[in-house]
C-alpha atoms as a PDB file:
ATOM      1  CA  MET A   1       7.929 -16.252 -11.111  1.00  0.00           C
ATOM      2  CA  ASN A   2      11.297 -17.910 -11.184  1.00  0.00           C
ATOM      3  CA  PRO A   3      13.859 -15.640  -9.498  1.00  0.00           C
ATOM      4  CA  ALA A   4      16.695 -17.493 -11.225  1.00  0.00           C
ATOM      5  CA  ALA A   5      15.387 -16.354 -14.610  1.00  0.00           C
ATOM      6  CA  LYS A   6      16.157 -12.744 -13.666  1.00  0.00           C
ATOM      7  CA  GLN A   7      13.020 -11.353 -15.205  1.00  0.00           C
ATOM      8  CA  THR A   8      12.978  -7.600 -15.501  1.00  0.00           C
ATOM      9  CA  LEU A   9      10.930  -5.651 -12.989  1.00  0.00           C
ATOM     10  CA  GLY A  10      10.049  -1.993 -13.370  1.00  0.00           C
ATOM     11  CA  LEU A  11       9.368  -0.153 -10.137  1.00  0.00           C
ATOM     12  CA  ILE A  12       7.372   3.020 -10.710  1.00  0.00           C
ATOM     13  CA  GLY A  13       7.721   5.199  -7.622  1.00  0.00           C
ATOM     14  CA  PHE A  14      10.587   5.326  -5.130  1.00  0.00           C
ATOM     15  CA  GLY A  15       8.977   6.598  -1.959  1.00  0.00           C
ATOM     16  CA  GLN A  16       9.054   4.775   1.376  1.00  0.00           C
ATOM     17  CA  PHE A  17       7.336   1.666   0.083  1.00  0.00           C
ATOM     18  CA  GLY A  18       9.168   1.762  -3.237  1.00  0.00           C
ATOM     19  CA  ARG A  19      12.475   1.655  -1.375  1.00  0.00           C
ATOM     20  CA  LEU A  20      11.234  -1.228   0.763  1.00  0.00           C
ATOM     21  CA  ALA A  21      10.168  -3.136  -2.363  1.00  0.00           C
ATOM     22  CA  ALA A  22      13.482  -2.490  -4.095  1.00  0.00           C
ATOM     23  CA  ARG A  23      15.418  -3.762  -1.098  1.00  0.00           C
ATOM     24  CA  HIS A  24      13.570  -7.102  -1.178  1.00  0.00           C
ATOM     25  CA  LEU A  25      13.211  -7.533  -4.946  1.00  0.00           C
ATOM     26  CA  ALA A  26      16.554  -6.408  -6.355  1.00  0.00           C
ATOM     27  CA  GLY A  27      18.112  -9.767  -5.544  1.00  0.00           C
ATOM     28  CA  CYS A  28      15.412 -11.666  -7.453  1.00  0.00           C
ATOM     29  CA  TYR A  29      14.905  -9.492 -10.518  1.00  0.00           C
ATOM     30  CA  ALA A  30      16.743  -7.069 -12.740  1.00  0.00           C
ATOM     31  CA  VAL A  31      15.053  -4.003 -11.256  1.00  0.00           C
ATOM     32  CA  THR A  32      14.746  -0.648 -13.012  1.00  0.00           C
ATOM     33  CA  ILE A  33      13.367   2.221 -10.944  1.00  0.00           C
ATOM     34  CA  ALA A  34      11.665   5.352 -12.248  1.00  0.00           C
ATOM     35  CA  ASP A  35      10.542   8.326 -10.185  1.00  0.00           C
ATOM     36  CA  ARG A  36      10.037  12.038 -10.683  1.00  0.00           C
ATOM     37  CA  GLU A  37      12.773  12.719  -8.139  1.00  0.00           C
ATOM     38  CA  ASN A  38      16.215  11.473  -9.171  1.00  0.00           C
ATOM     39  CA  ARG A  39      17.532   9.049  -6.563  1.00  0.00           C
ATOM     40  CA  ALA A  40      19.805   7.064  -8.815  1.00  0.00           C
ATOM     41  CA  ALA A  41      22.598   6.729  -6.255  1.00  0.00           C
ATOM     42  CA  GLU A  42      20.233   5.226  -3.679  1.00  0.00           C
ATOM     43  CA  ALA A  43      18.827   2.827  -6.275  1.00  0.00           C
ATOM     44  CA  VAL A  44      22.303   1.593  -7.164  1.00  0.00           C
ATOM     45  CA  GLU A  45      23.074   1.022  -3.474  1.00  0.00           C
ATOM     46  CA  LEU A  46      20.059  -1.304  -3.351  1.00  0.00           C
ATOM     47  CA  GLY A  47      21.239  -3.218  -6.427  1.00  0.00           C
ATOM     48  CA  ALA A  48      18.792  -1.645  -8.894  1.00  0.00           C
ATOM     49  CA  ALA A  49      19.187   0.475 -12.003  1.00  0.00           C
ATOM     50  CA  TRP A  50      17.746   3.937 -12.499  1.00  0.00           C
ATOM     51  CA  GLY A  51      15.753   4.569 -15.670  1.00  0.00           C
ATOM     52  CA  THR A  52      13.023   6.531 -17.356  1.00  0.00           C
ATOM     53  CA  LEU A  53       9.349   5.769 -16.913  1.00  0.00           C
ATOM     54  CA  PRO A  54       9.095   4.205 -20.411  1.00  0.00           C
ATOM     55  CA  GLU A  55      12.103   1.976 -19.660  1.00  0.00           C
ATOM     56  CA  ALA A  56      10.689   0.770 -16.352  1.00  0.00           C
ATOM     57  CA  ALA A  57       7.210   0.311 -17.827  1.00  0.00           C
ATOM     58  CA  ALA A  58       8.578  -1.968 -20.578  1.00  0.00           C
ATOM     59  CA  SER A  59       9.653  -4.611 -18.025  1.00  0.00           C
ATOM     60  CA  ASP A  60       8.315  -8.141 -17.662  1.00  0.00           C
ATOM     61  CA  ILE A  61       6.705  -7.103 -14.385  1.00  0.00           C
ATOM     62  CA  VAL A  62       5.641  -3.552 -13.576  1.00  0.00           C
ATOM     63  CA  LEU A  63       5.047  -2.606  -9.951  1.00  0.00           C
ATOM     64  CA  VAL A  64       3.325   0.760  -9.472  1.00  0.00           C
ATOM     65  CA  ALA A  65       4.108   2.219  -6.033  1.00  0.00           C
ATOM     66  CA  VAL A  66       2.943   5.822  -6.287  1.00  0.00           C
ATOM     67  CA  PRO A  67       0.405   7.693  -4.110  1.00  0.00           C
ATOM     68  CA  VAL A  68      -3.192   6.790  -4.936  1.00  0.00           C
ATOM     69  CA  ALA A  69      -3.887  10.443  -5.795  1.00  0.00           C
ATOM     70  CA  VAL A  70      -1.632  10.180  -8.885  1.00  0.00           C
ATOM     71  CA  MET A  71      -2.213   6.522  -9.653  1.00  0.00           C
ATOM     72  CA  ARG A  72      -4.686   6.907 -12.504  1.00  0.00           C
ATOM     73  CA  GLU A  73      -2.433   9.297 -14.400  1.00  0.00           C
ATOM     74  CA  THR A  74       0.502   6.961 -13.761  1.00  0.00           C
ATOM     75  CA  PHE A  75      -1.352   3.987 -15.234  1.00  0.00           C
ATOM     76  CA  ALA A  76      -2.216   6.102 -18.274  1.00  0.00           C
ATOM     77  CA  ALA A  77       1.430   7.172 -18.640  1.00  0.00           C
ATOM     78  CA  ILE A  78       2.821   3.638 -18.555  1.00  0.00           C
ATOM     79  CA  ALA A  79       0.086   2.098 -20.734  1.00  0.00           C
ATOM     80  CA  PRO A  80       1.763   2.771 -24.125  1.00  0.00           C
ATOM     81  CA  HIS A  81       4.958   1.080 -22.931  1.00  0.00           C
ATOM     82  CA  VAL A  82       3.537  -2.051 -21.292  1.00  0.00           C
ATOM     83  CA  LYS A  83       4.506  -4.997 -23.475  1.00  0.00           C
ATOM     84  CA  PRO A  84       2.307  -8.000 -24.334  1.00  0.00           C
ATOM     85  CA  GLY A  85       2.300 -10.590 -21.582  1.00  0.00           C
ATOM     86  CA  ALA A  86       3.567  -8.190 -18.931  1.00  0.00           C
ATOM     87  CA  LEU A  87       2.237  -8.376 -15.395  1.00  0.00           C
ATOM     88  CA  VAL A  88       1.167  -5.095 -13.796  1.00  0.00           C
ATOM     89  CA  LEU A  89       0.683  -4.787 -10.035  1.00  0.00           C
ATOM     90  CA  ASP A  90      -0.133  -1.953  -7.681  1.00  0.00           C
ATOM     91  CA  VAL A  91       0.390  -1.661  -3.922  1.00  0.00           C
ATOM     92  CA  ALA A  92      -2.387   0.798  -3.111  1.00  0.00           C
ATOM     93  CA  SER A  93      -4.025   0.677   0.302  1.00  0.00           C
ATOM     94  CA  VAL A  94      -7.446   0.845  -1.371  1.00  0.00           C
ATOM     95  CA  LYS A  95      -8.492  -1.419  -4.192  1.00  0.00           C
ATOM     96  CA  VAL A  96     -11.840  -0.620  -5.837  1.00  0.00           C
ATOM     97  CA  LEU A  97     -10.758   2.608  -7.539  1.00  0.00           C
ATOM     98  CA  PRO A  98      -7.194   1.562  -8.536  1.00  0.00           C
ATOM     99  CA  VAL A  99      -8.569  -1.637 -10.087  1.00  0.00           C
ATOM    100  CA  GLN A 100     -11.130   0.367 -12.032  1.00  0.00           C
ATOM    101  CA  TRP A 101      -8.365   2.661 -13.293  1.00  0.00           C
ATOM    102  CA  MET A 102      -6.120  -0.241 -14.304  1.00  0.00           C
ATOM    103  CA  ILE A 103      -8.898  -1.902 -16.283  1.00  0.00           C
ATOM    104  CA  GLU A 104      -9.748   1.402 -17.991  1.00  0.00           C
ATOM    105  CA  THR A 105      -6.206   2.503 -18.885  1.00  0.00           C
ATOM    106  CA  LEU A 106      -3.926  -0.529 -19.273  1.00  0.00           C
ATOM    107  CA  PRO A 107      -3.792  -2.493 -22.538  1.00  0.00           C
ATOM    108  CA  ALA A 108      -5.757  -5.746 -22.761  1.00  0.00           C
ATOM    109  CA  HIS A 109      -2.541  -7.672 -23.436  1.00  0.00           C
ATOM    110  CA  ALA A 110      -1.300  -7.060 -19.868  1.00  0.00           C
ATOM    111  CA  ASP A 111      -2.164  -9.253 -16.887  1.00  0.00           C
ATOM    112  CA  ILE A 112      -3.300  -7.397 -13.759  1.00  0.00           C
ATOM    113  CA  VAL A 113      -3.009  -8.391 -10.111  1.00  0.00           C
ATOM    114  CA  ALA A 114      -3.942  -5.794  -7.515  1.00  0.00           C
ATOM    115  CA  THR A 115      -2.146  -6.094  -4.192  1.00  0.00           C
ATOM    116  CA  HIS A 116      -2.144  -4.497  -0.775  1.00  0.00           C
ATOM    117  CA  PRO A 117       0.796  -5.198   1.526  1.00  0.00           C
ATOM    118  CA  LEU A 118      -0.642  -4.860   5.038  1.00  0.00           C
ATOM    119  CA  PHE A 119       2.670  -3.512   6.306  1.00  0.00           C
ATOM    120  CA  GLY A 120       5.055  -0.657   5.739  1.00  0.00           C
ATOM    121  CA  PRO A 121       8.726   0.118   6.269  1.00  0.00           C
ATOM    122  CA  GLN A 122       8.297   0.388  10.043  1.00  0.00           C
ATOM    123  CA  SER A 123       6.504  -2.929  10.565  1.00  0.00           C
ATOM    124  CA  ALA A 124       8.811  -4.654   8.031  1.00  0.00           C
ATOM    125  CA  LYS A 125      12.051  -3.357   9.511  1.00  0.00           C
ATOM    126  CA  ASP A 126      12.846  -6.789  10.976  1.00  0.00           C
ATOM    127  CA  GLY A 127      11.844  -8.724   7.835  1.00  0.00           C
ATOM    128  CA  LEU A 128       8.735  -9.937   6.027  1.00  0.00           C
ATOM    129  CA  GLU A 129       8.147 -13.184   7.895  1.00  0.00           C
ATOM    130  CA  GLY A 130       4.573 -13.411   9.159  1.00  0.00           C
ATOM    131  CA  LEU A 131       3.366 -10.167   7.571  1.00  0.00           C
ATOM    132  CA  ARG A 132       0.241 -10.203   5.421  1.00  0.00           C
ATOM    133  CA  LEU A 133      -0.342  -9.472   1.730  1.00  0.00           C
ATOM    134  CA  VAL A 134      -3.755  -9.206   0.061  1.00  0.00           C
ATOM    135  CA  LEU A 135      -4.050 -10.271  -3.592  1.00  0.00           C
ATOM    136  CA  CYS A 136      -6.933  -9.359  -5.886  1.00  0.00           C
ATOM    137  CA  PRO A 137      -6.716 -11.347  -9.158  1.00  0.00           C
ATOM    138  CA  ILE A 138      -8.090  -9.072 -11.883  1.00  0.00           C
ATOM    139  CA  ARG A 139      -6.982 -10.192 -15.341  1.00  0.00           C
ATOM    140  CA  GLY A 140      -4.951 -13.159 -16.505  1.00  0.00           C
ATOM    141  CA  GLU A 141      -3.825 -16.270 -14.632  1.00  0.00           C
ATOM    142  CA  ARG A 142      -0.723 -14.970 -12.870  1.00  0.00           C
ATOM    143  CA  ALA A 143      -2.005 -14.358  -9.344  1.00  0.00           C
ATOM    144  CA  HIS A 144      -0.699 -17.757  -8.275  1.00  0.00           C
ATOM    145  CA  GLU A 145       2.827 -16.700  -9.306  1.00  0.00           C
ATOM    146  CA  VAL A 146       2.626 -13.630  -7.076  1.00  0.00           C
ATOM    147  CA  LYS A 147       1.223 -15.762  -4.264  1.00  0.00           C
ATOM    148  CA  ASP A 148       4.045 -18.308  -4.566  1.00  0.00           C
ATOM    149  CA  LEU A 149       6.717 -15.592  -4.533  1.00  0.00           C
ATOM    150  CA  ALA A 150       5.141 -13.831  -1.550  1.00  0.00           C
ATOM    151  CA  GLU A 151       4.821 -17.016   0.465  1.00  0.00           C
ATOM    152  CA  ALA A 152       8.425 -17.940  -0.325  1.00  0.00           C
ATOM    153  CA  ALA A 153       9.389 -14.599   1.256  1.00  0.00           C
ATOM    154  CA  GLY A 154       7.470 -15.513   4.415  1.00  0.00           C
ATOM    155  CA  LEU A 155       4.334 -13.480   3.800  1.00  0.00           C
ATOM    156  CA  ILE A 156       0.843 -14.672   4.648  1.00  0.00           C
ATOM    157  CA  VAL A 157      -1.318 -14.250   1.544  1.00  0.00           C
ATOM    158  CA  SER A 158      -5.071 -13.601   1.483  1.00  0.00           C
ATOM    159  CA  ILE A 159      -7.162 -13.587  -1.708  1.00  0.00           C
ATOM    160  CA  ALA A 160     -10.052 -11.116  -1.948  1.00  0.00           C
ATOM    161  CA  THR A 161     -12.101  -9.133  -4.421  1.00  0.00           C
ATOM    162  CA  PRO A 162     -11.519  -5.371  -4.458  1.00  0.00           C
ATOM    163  CA  GLU A 163     -14.904  -4.845  -2.832  1.00  0.00           C
ATOM    164  CA  GLU A 164     -14.257  -7.395  -0.077  1.00  0.00           C
ATOM    165  CA  HIS A 165     -10.891  -5.775   0.570  1.00  0.00           C
ATOM    166  CA  ASP A 166     -12.213  -2.233   0.861  1.00  0.00           C
ATOM    167  CA  ARG A 167     -15.147  -3.225   3.092  1.00  0.00           C
ATOM    168  CA  GLU A 168     -12.778  -4.877   5.560  1.00  0.00           C
ATOM    169  CA  MET A 169     -10.205  -2.089   5.299  1.00  0.00           C
ATOM    170  CA  ALA A 170     -12.838   0.481   6.259  1.00  0.00           C
ATOM    171  CA  TYR A 171     -12.526  -0.999   9.757  1.00  0.00           C
ATOM    172  CA  VAL A 172      -9.058  -2.546   9.769  1.00  0.00           C
ATOM    173  CA  GLN A 173      -7.242   0.398   8.215  1.00  0.00           C
ATOM    174  CA  ALA A 174      -9.376   3.530   7.880  1.00  0.00           C
ATOM    175  CA  LEU A 175     -10.749   3.402  11.432  1.00  0.00           C
ATOM    176  CA  THR A 176      -7.362   2.408  12.880  1.00  0.00           C
ATOM    177  CA  HIS A 177      -5.589   5.240  11.082  1.00  0.00           C
ATOM    178  CA  LEU A 178      -8.241   7.753  12.139  1.00  0.00           C
ATOM    179  CA  ILE A 179      -7.758   6.836  15.797  1.00  0.00           C
ATOM    180  CA  GLY A 180      -3.982   6.625  15.463  1.00  0.00           C
ATOM    181  CA  ARG A 181      -3.609   9.899  13.569  1.00  0.00           C
ATOM    182  CA  ALA A 182      -5.733  11.679  16.175  1.00  0.00           C
ATOM    183  CA  LEU A 183      -3.538  10.277  18.950  1.00  0.00           C
ATOM    184  CA  VAL A 184      -0.378  11.321  17.087  1.00  0.00           C
ATOM    185  CA  ASN A 185      -1.752  14.834  16.690  1.00  0.00           C
ATOM    186  CA  VAL A 186      -2.661  14.961  20.392  1.00  0.00           C
ATOM    187  CA  LYS A 187       0.921  13.842  21.139  1.00  0.00           C
ATOM    188  CA  ILE A 188      -0.007  11.383  23.863  1.00  0.00           C
ATOM    189  CA  PRO A 189       2.993  11.016  26.225  1.00  0.00           C
ATOM    190  CA  ASP A 190       4.839   7.877  27.278  1.00  0.00           C
ATOM    191  CA  GLU A 191       3.752   7.894  30.931  1.00  0.00           C
ATOM    192  CA  ASP A 192       5.432   6.047  33.819  1.00  0.00           C
ATOM    193  CA  LEU A 193       2.072   4.730  35.039  1.00  0.00           C
ATOM    194  CA  LYS A 194       0.981   3.395  31.663  1.00  0.00           C
ATOM    195  CA  THR A 195      -1.121   0.252  31.385  1.00  0.00           C
ATOM    196  CA  ARG A 196      -0.895  -2.403  28.694  1.00  0.00           C
ATOM    197  CA  SER A 197      -3.865  -0.830  26.948  1.00  0.00           C
ATOM    198  CA  TYR A 198      -2.126   2.545  26.907  1.00  0.00           C
ATOM    199  CA  GLN A 199       1.059   0.924  25.588  1.00  0.00           C
ATOM    200  CA  HIS A 200      -0.981  -0.425  22.676  1.00  0.00           C
ATOM    201  CA  LEU A 201      -1.994   3.148  21.861  1.00  0.00           C
ATOM    202  CA  LEU A 202       1.653   4.241  21.987  1.00  0.00           C
ATOM    203  CA  ASP A 203       2.579   1.334  19.723  1.00  0.00           C
ATOM    204  CA  LEU A 204      -0.101   2.417  17.263  1.00  0.00           C
ATOM    205  CA  CYS A 205       1.332   5.928  17.202  1.00  0.00           C
ATOM    206  CA  GLY A 206       4.779   4.482  16.564  1.00  0.00           C
ATOM    207  CA  LEU A 207       3.547   2.375  13.666  1.00  0.00           C
ATOM    208  CA  ILE A 208       1.736   5.130  11.788  1.00  0.00           C
ATOM    209  CA  GLY A 209       3.436   8.268  13.099  1.00  0.00           C
ATOM    210  CA  ASP A 210       5.732   8.574  10.086  1.00  0.00           C
ATOM    211  CA  ASP A 211       2.996   7.960   7.498  1.00  0.00           C
ATOM    212  CA  SER A 212       2.287  10.927   5.268  1.00  0.00           C
ATOM    213  CA  PHE A 213      -0.964  12.862   5.513  1.00  0.00           C
ATOM    214  CA  GLU A 214      -1.317  12.045   1.808  1.00  0.00           C
ATOM    215  CA  LEU A 215      -1.563   8.359   2.701  1.00  0.00           C
ATOM    216  CA  PHE A 216      -4.010   9.083   5.529  1.00  0.00           C
ATOM    217  CA  SER A 217      -6.179  11.156   3.210  1.00  0.00           C
ATOM    218  CA  ALA A 218      -6.208   8.417   0.557  1.00  0.00           C
ATOM    219  CA  ILE A 219      -7.215   5.778   3.103  1.00  0.00           C
ATOM    220  CA  GLN A 220     -10.099   7.951   4.335  1.00  0.00           C
ATOM    221  CA  THR A 221     -11.401   9.358   1.048  1.00  0.00           C
ATOM    222  CA  LEU A 222     -10.660   6.770  -1.657  1.00  0.00           C
ATOM    223  CA  ASN A 223     -12.139   3.779   0.128  1.00  0.00           C
ATOM    224  CA  PRO A 224     -15.857   3.971  -0.761  1.00  0.00           C
ATOM    225  CA  TYR A 225     -16.820   2.369   2.567  1.00  0.00           C
ATOM    226  CA  ALA A 226     -14.552   4.319   4.938  1.00  0.00           C
ATOM    227  CA  SER A 227     -16.549   7.505   5.434  1.00  0.00           C
ATOM    228  CA  GLU A 228     -19.606   5.759   6.863  1.00  0.00           C
ATOM    229  CA  ILE A 229     -17.500   3.855   9.411  1.00  0.00           C
ATOM    230  CA  ALA A 230     -15.476   6.919  10.416  1.00  0.00           C
ATOM    231  CA  ARG A 231     -18.525   9.130  10.867  1.00  0.00           C
ATOM    232  CA  SER A 232     -20.270   6.420  12.868  1.00  0.00           C
ATOM    233  CA  PHE A 233     -17.279   6.192  15.209  1.00  0.00           C
ATOM    234  CA  VAL A 234     -17.028   9.971  15.678  1.00  0.00           C
ATOM    235  CA  ALA A 235     -20.776  10.225  16.305  1.00  0.00           C
ATOM    236  CA  GLU A 236     -20.656   7.402  18.864  1.00  0.00           C
ATOM    237  CA  ALA A 237     -17.702   9.038  20.659  1.00  0.00           C
ATOM    238  CA  GLY A 238     -19.650  12.304  20.816  1.00  0.00           C
ATOM    239  CA  ASP A 239     -22.747  10.518  22.121  1.00  0.00           C
ATOM    240  CA  LEU A 240     -20.735   8.830  24.854  1.00  0.00           C
ATOM    241  CA  LEU A 241     -19.287  12.160  26.000  1.00  0.00           C
ATOM    242  CA  ASP A 242     -22.752  13.711  25.951  1.00  0.00           C
ATOM    243  CA  ARG A 243     -24.037  10.923  28.185  1.00  0.00           C
ATOM    244  CA  VAL A 244     -21.242  11.591  30.668  1.00  0.00           C
ATOM    245  CA  HIS A 245     -21.017  15.386  30.581  1.00  0.00           C
ATOM    246  CA  GLY A 246     -24.265  16.412  28.966  1.00  0.00           C
ATOM    247  CA  PRO A 247     -24.552  18.035  25.517  1.00  0.00           C
ATOM    248  CA  LYS A 248     -22.667  21.228  24.819  1.00  0.00           C
ATOM    249  CA  PRO A 249     -24.798  24.354  25.218  1.00  0.00           C
ATOM    250  CA  THR A 250     -25.948  25.822  21.914  1.00  0.00           C
END
C-alpha cells in the first residue's frame, strides 16, 4: 500500500480501537468512518470524514472494527458495497469464526486478510513501535502489503493461520484476561509492601481494566480453544486450595 497514493479506507466501527486506528491511518489514507453512533465531529478532529456504511464499504480498503458479536451481520451488510479488488480486513481478537464469516458473506472479488493487533489504546498510548500484529492471509495476494505497512509503522508482524492464532490465544489472551478480569473485580489494592510479582498483577489490571465485558466475553466464548484452557486453570486452582485447606464440606 502506497500511502502517497491516498487510497480510500473505510473504517467500519468507531469504538476504542476504531478511534486508535483512525488516529494512525488518517494521515496515510482518505479515511471514511461509519458507525451506528454519530461521532462526526470526533472523526473530523482526527482528519477523517464521516459517512454511511455503504460509502465506507465502497473504499479501496475496508477495515471492520466492530465487536465480534455483531461481526457476521456487519460483513453481510457491507458485502453488496464492496467493490472488485477491494481489500477487507478485520481486527477481531479471535480468528477462526470471523474468517469463516468473511469467506461465507463477502464477494469473491474481494481480497481478505484477517488481523489481530495484540495491543489496544492503553498499550499503544505511547506509539506503535515494538507492538505486535498477527496477520492471517485468507484470500488474494495482499497480505504482504499489510505487512509492509505495519512494519513501516514499527509493528512486529507474525503470520499465522486462524487455527494457529486461536490455539495460542487460548493461553496468551483468554487465560490472561480471565486472571486479569478476576483481579479487577476483586479490586486488588496498590499496597506499600508490594513485590515485583504483585506489581505485575497491578500492571495487568491497568492494561485490561478499561476493556468492555463484551470484549472479555468474546475472547472467552468465541475462541474454540479457550474454554478447555480456562476450565483447566479453574479446576487446578480449586485442587490446589483443596490440598491446602481440604475440600469444602458437602
